[in-house]
Amino acid sequence: MKKFFLFLVVSLFALLLVACGGEEDNTGESQNGENVSASGDGEVKTIRAGIGLNQDHPQYKGLLKFKEIVEEETDGDIVVETYHSGQLGDDRSMTEALQLGSQEVTVPSTAPLANFVPEFSVFDIPFLFPSEEVADEVLAGEVAQDLLKKLEEKDLVGLAYWENGFRDLTNSERPVETIEDFEGLDIRTMENDLHLEAFKTLGANPTPMAFTELFTALQQGTVDGQENPYATIYLENFYEVQDYVSDTHHVYSPFVFLMSKQFYDGLTEEQQQIVRDAAIEAGEHQIKLNREANAEYLQSLIDEGMQYSEISDEERQKMVDAVQPVIEDFKDDIGPDVVDGIYEAVEQAQSE
């Protein structure tokens, strides 16, 4: 009997040793077949990436491309969870969440971002960019890239510029073809002082509100209209509550791919390079999709029954002239060097 108990104790001890050896395995996969991080520390980092637009918008498709690249290049050490339609909040609240480290990625327009770094208001100067090609060159240049670096002072990391596109006006009251047609229209704008003052100067009554509240506000008549690129107008079904669309092209609006500095600083140098490269590559993909979509969605808006108005060169120049005093008023707030630098970059891009 004693021999039996001795045999039992030895057997149990041997099984314990085997089990302990399995827990110390460093091959990247545990003995029961569950994946662990290839980094060796067993940690899989998670990026929660949220945007305000819906799942059909090119911005979200760009986010999916970012997810694909990052997860493949890190062999699953970084997992990207994507959220659309304001599931994590609006642009401002998600940017604040990045600062706090409670969210990792968002891709806001530059207008709300100017609440954190005032110099980003330079992109809200009305009629700044004459074409997408000029915008591309300027955004790749020194002035725009220096603005991304300023975000680190606010616990944010700007990895790349993506594209929202030229913003155009819709409303439910009348066609807008001249500067006089703005008079008295209640227009939802983003929370940006330069936008607000520019629309006041054009004769409208601007009303800032969260994007997630906009459809209901249009439906209930709280505001008469709004301004966004064609893709956003169509994919958010604004044609259901708006009758008129005009190619005002009053602002070219970039997106900025943002990452929480707290999260970014916790990555290895290799991982940091991967997310940087992924943000740029996914941005190129998003911009291509966005331009294709905007051309298609204008026709879709017309097919849905919206009345489309083109702004003549003469009338557009009147609008440009009208907002010049506003630009001068905001020049000191934005930073004279930044404003002058961006205009020089635009002029140089046009001459090439």
Protein backbone atom coordinates (compact mmCIF):
# COMPACT_ATOMS: atom_id res chain seq x y z
CA MET A 1 0.00 0.00 0.00
CA LYS A 2 2.86 2.38 0.90
CA LYS A 3 4.44 1.71 -2.50
CA PHE A 4 1.14 2.57 -4.18
CA PHE A 5 0.89 5.94 -2.38
CA LEU A 6 4.54 6.71 -3.17
CA PHE A 7 3.89 5.95 -6.86
CA LEU A 8 0.81 8.23 -6.80
CA VAL A 9 2.75 11.16 -5.28
CA VAL A 10 5.58 10.84 -7.79
CA SER A 11 3.11 10.70 -10.69
CA LEU A 12 1.27 13.82 -9.53
CA PHE A 13 4.56 15.68 -9.11
CA ALA A 14 5.62 14.74 -12.65
CA LEU A 15 2.31 15.99 -14.06
CA LEU A 16 2.80 19.29 -12.22
CA LEU A 17 6.23 19.77 -13.77
CA VAL A 18 4.81 19.21 -17.27
CA ALA A 19 2.06 21.72 -16.65
CA CYS A 20 4.53 24.35 -15.43
CA GLY A 21 6.73 23.77 -18.46
CA GLY A 22 3.74 24.42 -20.75
CA GLU A 23 3.08 27.82 -19.14
CA GLU A 24 6.66 28.92 -19.81
CA ASP A 25 6.46 28.23 -23.54
CA ASN A 26 7.69 31.29 -25.56
CA THR A 27 6.75 30.28 -29.08
CA GLY A 28 3.84 32.73 -29.34
CA GLU A 29 1.18 30.07 -28.76
CA SER A 30 0.19 28.51 -25.47
CA GLN A 31 -0.02 24.74 -24.99
CA ASN A 32 -3.82 24.80 -25.22
CA GLY A 33 -3.62 26.42 -28.64
CA GLU A 34 -4.60 30.00 -27.68
CA ASN A 35 -2.62 32.74 -29.42
CA VAL A 36 -0.48 35.08 -27.37
CA SER A 37 1.44 38.11 -28.46
CA ALA A 38 4.56 37.47 -30.54
CA SER A 39 6.22 40.28 -28.58
CA GLY A 40 6.83 37.75 -25.82
CA ASP A 41 5.07 39.70 -23.06
CA GLY A 42 1.69 38.11 -23.77
CA GLU A 43 0.07 41.53 -24.36
CA VAL A 44 -2.09 42.34 -27.37
CA LYS A 45 -2.60 46.08 -27.74
CA THR A 46 -6.01 47.31 -28.82
CA ILE A 47 -6.74 50.43 -30.87
CA ARG A 48 -10.30 51.72 -30.60
CA ALA A 49 -10.75 53.85 -33.72
CA GLY A 50 -13.93 55.93 -33.94
CA ILE A 51 -15.38 58.38 -36.48
CA GLY A 52 -18.62 60.35 -36.76
CA LEU A 53 -19.59 59.30 -40.29
CA ASN A 54 -21.37 56.07 -41.20
CA GLN A 55 -20.06 52.71 -42.38
CA ASP A 56 -20.58 53.48 -46.08
CA HIS A 57 -18.45 56.62 -46.12
CA PRO A 58 -14.94 56.48 -47.63
CA GLN A 59 -13.59 57.63 -44.26
CA TYR A 60 -14.75 54.40 -42.63
CA LYS A 61 -13.41 52.34 -45.52
CA GLY A 62 -10.08 54.05 -44.96
CA LEU A 63 -10.28 53.04 -41.31
CA LEU A 64 -10.85 49.42 -42.33
CA LYS A 65 -7.77 49.64 -44.55
CA PHE A 66 -5.75 50.93 -41.58
CA LYS A 67 -7.00 47.99 -39.51
CA GLU A 68 -6.02 45.51 -42.22
CA ILE A 69 -2.49 46.88 -42.57
CA VAL A 70 -1.76 47.22 -38.85
CA GLU A 71 -3.03 43.78 -37.87
CA GLU A 72 -1.12 42.13 -40.71
CA GLU A 73 2.14 44.01 -40.18
CA THR A 74 2.15 43.43 -36.40
CA ASP A 75 1.15 39.75 -36.69
CA GLY A 76 -1.83 40.48 -34.48
CA ASP A 77 0.15 42.20 -31.72
CA ILE A 78 -2.07 45.23 -32.35
CA VAL A 79 -5.81 44.75 -32.88
CA VAL A 80 -7.91 47.58 -34.34
CA GLU A 81 -11.57 47.91 -33.35
CA THR A 82 -13.50 50.29 -35.63
CA TYR A 83 -16.55 52.35 -34.69
CA HIS A 84 -18.63 54.50 -37.04
CA SER A 85 -21.67 56.80 -36.85
CA GLY A 86 -20.55 58.57 -33.69
CA GLN A 87 -20.71 55.41 -31.58
CA LEU A 88 -17.86 56.73 -29.44
CA GLY A 89 -18.95 60.39 -29.58
CA ASP A 90 -18.52 63.41 -31.84
CA ASP A 91 -15.18 64.71 -33.18
CA ARG A 92 -14.48 66.90 -30.18
CA SER A 93 -15.37 64.37 -27.48
CA MET A 94 -13.38 61.62 -29.21
CA THR A 95 -10.36 63.93 -29.51
CA GLU A 96 -10.64 64.68 -25.79
CA ALA A 97 -10.81 60.93 -25.14
CA LEU A 98 -7.51 60.53 -27.00
CA GLN A 99 -5.95 63.14 -24.74
CA LEU A 100 -7.14 61.23 -21.69
CA GLY A 101 -5.93 57.91 -23.09
CA SER A 102 -9.41 56.35 -23.00
CA GLN A 103 -9.52 56.03 -26.81
CA GLU A 104 -6.68 55.50 -29.26
CA VAL A 105 -7.64 56.83 -32.72
CA THR A 106 -10.07 59.25 -34.34
CA VAL A 107 -10.06 61.13 -37.64
CA PRO A 108 -11.67 64.57 -37.21
CA SER A 109 -11.94 67.45 -39.64
CA THR A 110 -9.54 70.30 -39.02
CA ALA A 111 -12.36 72.67 -37.97
CA PRO A 112 -13.11 71.11 -34.55
CA LEU A 113 -9.40 70.34 -34.18
CA ALA A 114 -8.76 74.10 -34.16
CA ASN A 115 -10.27 74.14 -30.66
CA PHE A 116 -7.14 72.27 -29.55
CA VAL A 117 -4.51 73.81 -31.86
CA PRO A 118 -5.75 77.22 -33.15
CA GLU A 119 -3.36 77.18 -36.11
CA PHE A 120 -5.49 74.46 -37.74
CA SER A 121 -8.04 77.19 -38.44
CA VAL A 122 -5.87 78.08 -41.42
CA PHE A 123 -7.64 75.29 -43.33
CA ASP A 124 -10.99 76.93 -42.60
CA ILE A 125 -10.08 80.07 -44.53
CA PRO A 126 -12.87 80.31 -47.10
CA PHE A 127 -11.92 79.68 -50.73
CA LEU A 128 -8.28 78.94 -49.80
CA PHE A 129 -7.72 75.98 -52.15
CA PRO A 130 -8.73 76.29 -55.81
CA SER A 131 -8.45 72.55 -56.51
CA GLU A 132 -7.81 69.15 -54.96
CA GLU A 133 -4.42 68.97 -56.65
CA VAL A 134 -3.28 72.19 -54.99
CA ALA A 135 -4.58 70.93 -51.64
CA ASP A 136 -2.59 67.69 -52.04
CA GLU A 137 0.66 69.54 -52.60
CA VAL A 138 0.14 72.01 -49.77
CA LEU A 139 -0.80 69.29 -47.26
CA ALA A 140 2.37 67.38 -48.13
CA GLY A 141 4.46 70.52 -47.63
CA GLU A 142 6.34 71.98 -44.69
CA VAL A 143 3.67 74.31 -43.29
CA ALA A 144 0.98 71.62 -43.07
CA GLN A 145 3.38 68.98 -41.74
CA ASP A 146 4.62 71.37 -39.03
CA LEU A 147 1.01 71.74 -37.86
CA LEU A 148 0.82 67.99 -37.27
CA LYS A 149 3.85 68.24 -34.98
CA LYS A 150 2.09 70.86 -32.84
CA LEU A 151 -0.49 68.27 -31.82
CA GLU A 152 2.03 66.53 -29.56
CA GLU A 153 1.85 69.50 -27.18
CA LYS A 154 -1.81 68.54 -26.68
CA ASP A 155 -1.14 64.84 -26.01
CA LEU A 156 -2.11 63.95 -29.58
CA VAL A 157 -0.11 62.53 -32.48
CA GLY A 158 -1.04 63.56 -36.02
CA LEU A 159 -0.06 60.70 -38.33
CA ALA A 160 -1.48 61.82 -41.68
CA TYR A 161 -3.91 64.01 -43.57
CA TRP A 162 -6.95 62.30 -45.03
CA GLU A 163 -9.72 64.00 -47.02
CA ASN A 164 -13.18 65.24 -46.20
CA GLY A 165 -13.23 67.35 -49.35
CA PHE A 166 -14.79 70.52 -50.63
CA ARG A 167 -17.76 71.56 -48.52
CA ASP A 168 -20.96 72.54 -50.33
CA LEU A 169 -24.22 74.04 -49.15
CA THR A 170 -27.66 72.43 -48.93
CA ASN A 171 -30.89 73.94 -47.63
CA SER A 172 -34.65 73.52 -47.66
CA GLU A 173 -35.61 77.13 -48.49
CA ARG A 174 -34.31 78.19 -51.92
CA PRO A 175 -31.55 77.75 -54.50
CA VAL A 176 -28.31 79.49 -53.54
CA GLU A 177 -26.63 80.93 -56.63
CA THR A 178 -25.60 84.43 -55.49
CA ILE A 179 -24.27 85.98 -52.32
CA GLU A 180 -27.70 87.52 -51.72
CA ASP A 181 -29.25 84.05 -51.54
CA PHE A 182 -27.47 83.37 -48.22
CA GLU A 183 -29.47 86.10 -46.51
CA GLY A 184 -31.34 84.84 -43.45
CA LEU A 185 -30.64 81.12 -43.92
CA ASP A 186 -30.13 79.21 -40.65
CA ILE A 187 -27.10 77.04 -41.46
CA ARG A 188 -25.60 74.36 -39.25
CA THR A 189 -21.83 74.68 -39.11
CA MET A 190 -19.09 72.97 -37.20
CA GLU A 191 -17.96 74.42 -33.90
CA ASN A 192 -15.43 76.81 -35.41
CA ASP A 193 -15.32 80.58 -34.97
CA LEU A 194 -13.90 81.30 -38.42
CA HIS A 195 -16.70 79.30 -40.08
CA LEU A 196 -19.28 81.11 -37.99
CA GLU A 197 -18.02 84.59 -38.84
CA ALA A 198 -17.63 83.79 -42.53
CA PHE A 199 -21.25 82.67 -42.82
CA LYS A 200 -22.44 85.71 -40.89
CA THR A 201 -20.56 87.90 -43.35
CA LEU A 202 -22.24 86.12 -46.26
CA GLY A 203 -25.61 86.93 -44.64
CA ALA A 204 -26.54 83.56 -43.11
CA ASN A 205 -27.31 82.70 -39.49
CA PRO A 206 -24.76 79.99 -38.57
CA THR A 207 -25.62 77.52 -35.81
CA PRO A 208 -22.93 75.18 -34.48
CA MET A 209 -24.08 71.74 -33.39
CA ALA A 210 -22.81 68.17 -33.17
CA PHE A 211 -22.94 66.23 -36.41
CA THR A 212 -24.87 63.43 -34.70
CA GLU A 213 -27.74 65.88 -34.06
CA LEU A 214 -27.86 67.31 -37.58
CA PHE A 215 -30.36 65.09 -39.41
CA THR A 216 -32.99 65.57 -36.72
CA ALA A 217 -32.38 69.33 -36.69
CA LEU A 218 -32.90 69.49 -40.46
CA GLN A 219 -35.96 67.28 -40.26
CA GLN A 220 -37.57 69.39 -37.54
CA GLY A 221 -36.64 72.70 -39.16
CA THR A 222 -34.36 73.77 -36.32
CA VAL A 223 -31.95 74.81 -39.08
CA ASP A 224 -32.60 75.41 -42.79
CA GLY A 225 -29.44 73.86 -44.12
CA GLN A 226 -25.93 72.57 -43.63
CA GLU A 227 -22.60 72.35 -45.45
CA ASN A 228 -20.63 69.18 -46.16
CA PRO A 229 -19.05 67.31 -49.08
CA TYR A 230 -21.39 65.49 -51.46
CA ALA A 231 -20.48 62.04 -50.12
CA THR A 232 -21.52 63.03 -46.61
CA ILE A 233 -24.70 64.72 -47.85
CA TYR A 234 -25.78 61.59 -49.69
CA LEU A 235 -24.68 58.89 -47.26
CA GLU A 236 -26.30 60.68 -44.33
CA ASN A 237 -29.57 60.87 -46.32
CA PHE A 238 -29.76 64.66 -46.08
CA TYR A 239 -31.54 64.68 -49.44
CA GLU A 240 -34.58 63.37 -47.56
CA VAL A 241 -34.86 66.67 -45.65
CA GLN A 242 -33.12 69.11 -48.03
CA ASP A 243 -34.30 70.38 -51.43
CA TYR A 244 -31.38 72.41 -52.77
CA VAL A 245 -27.63 71.82 -53.19
CA SER A 246 -25.10 74.40 -54.43
CA ASP A 247 -21.46 73.93 -55.43
CA THR A 248 -20.22 76.69 -53.13
CA HIS A 249 -16.91 74.84 -52.59
CA HIS A 250 -16.38 77.39 -49.83
CA VAL A 251 -13.89 75.32 -47.82
CA TYR A 252 -11.65 72.36 -48.61
CA SER A 253 -11.70 70.30 -45.43
CA PRO A 254 -8.95 67.78 -44.61
CA PHE A 255 -9.32 65.04 -42.04
CA VAL A 256 -6.45 64.51 -39.59
CA PHE A 257 -5.63 60.96 -38.53
CA LEU A 258 -5.04 61.28 -34.79
CA MET A 259 -3.62 58.88 -32.25
CA SER A 260 -3.46 59.22 -28.48
CA LYS A 261 0.09 60.24 -27.53
CA GLN A 262 -0.20 58.16 -24.39
CA PHE A 263 -0.91 55.07 -26.51
CA TYR A 264 1.64 55.95 -29.20
CA ASP A 265 4.42 56.41 -26.63
CA GLY A 266 3.65 52.94 -25.30
CA LEU A 267 4.40 51.30 -28.64
CA THR A 268 7.77 49.97 -29.68
CA GLU A 269 9.68 51.95 -32.33
CA GLU A 270 8.80 49.27 -34.87
CA GLN A 271 5.11 49.47 -33.98
CA GLN A 272 5.18 53.27 -34.17
CA GLN A 273 6.57 53.08 -37.69
CA ILE A 274 3.94 50.53 -38.66
CA VAL A 275 1.02 52.71 -37.50
CA ARG A 276 2.54 55.78 -39.18
CA ASP A 277 2.99 54.00 -42.50
CA ALA A 278 -0.46 52.44 -42.20
CA ALA A 279 -2.13 55.81 -41.58
CA ILE A 280 -0.45 57.24 -44.69
CA GLU A 281 -1.21 54.24 -46.93
CA ALA A 282 -4.80 53.99 -45.72
CA GLY A 283 -5.13 57.74 -46.26
CA GLU A 284 -4.09 57.45 -49.89
CA HIS A 285 -6.71 54.73 -50.30
CA GLN A 286 -9.36 56.85 -48.55
CA ILE A 287 -8.65 59.95 -50.64
CA LYS A 288 -8.97 57.97 -53.88
CA LEU A 289 -12.30 56.50 -52.74
CA ASN A 290 -13.51 59.88 -51.52
CA ARG A 291 -12.93 61.63 -54.84
CA GLU A 292 -14.63 58.86 -56.78
CA ALA A 293 -17.54 58.94 -54.34
CA ASN A 294 -18.05 62.71 -54.40
CA ALA A 295 -18.37 62.71 -58.19
CA GLU A 296 -20.87 59.85 -58.08
CA TYR A 297 -22.88 61.15 -55.15
CA LEU A 298 -23.57 64.54 -56.69
CA GLN A 299 -25.41 62.77 -59.48
CA SER A 300 -27.15 60.59 -56.90
CA LEU A 301 -28.36 63.71 -55.06
CA ILE A 302 -29.81 65.05 -58.30
CA ASP A 303 -31.42 61.67 -59.02
CA GLU A 304 -33.03 61.81 -55.56
CA GLY A 305 -34.71 65.08 -56.54
CA MET A 306 -32.42 67.78 -55.17
CA GLN A 307 -32.13 70.93 -57.28
CA TYR A 308 -28.48 71.60 -58.12
CA SER A 309 -27.11 75.13 -58.58
CA GLU A 310 -23.69 76.07 -59.94
CA ILE A 311 -22.00 79.19 -58.65
CA SER A 312 -20.62 81.37 -61.45
CA ASP A 313 -17.03 82.64 -61.29
CA GLU A 314 -18.36 86.18 -60.92
CA GLU A 315 -20.60 85.32 -57.96
CA ARG A 316 -17.89 83.22 -56.31
CA GLN A 317 -15.51 86.17 -56.50
CA LYS A 318 -18.10 88.31 -54.70
CA MET A 319 -18.13 85.73 -51.92
CA VAL A 320 -14.34 85.68 -51.82
CA ASP A 321 -14.22 89.46 -51.55
CA ALA A 322 -16.89 89.54 -48.85
CA VAL A 323 -15.01 87.24 -46.47
CA GLN A 324 -11.59 88.90 -46.80
CA PRO A 325 -12.15 91.15 -43.74
CA VAL A 326 -12.98 88.04 -41.69
CA ILE A 327 -9.69 86.43 -42.71
CA GLU A 328 -7.79 89.55 -41.68
CA ASP A 329 -9.60 89.60 -38.33
CA PHE A 330 -8.58 86.01 -37.61
CA LYS A 331 -5.05 86.23 -38.93
CA ASP A 332 -3.51 87.05 -35.56
CA ASP A 333 -5.50 84.30 -33.83
CA ILE A 334 -4.37 81.69 -36.34
CA GLY A 335 -0.83 83.00 -36.53
CA PRO A 336 0.38 85.44 -39.20
CA ASP A 337 3.31 83.20 -40.12
CA VAL A 338 1.02 80.22 -40.64
CA VAL A 339 -1.46 82.20 -42.75
CA ASP A 340 1.25 83.78 -44.89
CA GLY A 341 3.01 80.43 -45.20
CA ILE A 342 -0.09 78.61 -46.39
CA TYR A 343 -0.90 81.29 -48.97
CA GLU A 344 2.68 81.12 -50.25
CA ALA A 345 2.39 77.34 -50.50
CA VAL A 346 -0.90 77.64 -52.42
CA GLU A 347 0.64 80.17 -54.83
CA GLN A 348 3.67 77.95 -55.38
CA ALA A 349 1.50 74.89 -56.00
CA GLN A 350 -0.56 76.78 -58.55
CA SER A 351 2.52 77.91 -60.45
CA GLU A 352 3.95 74.41 -60.86
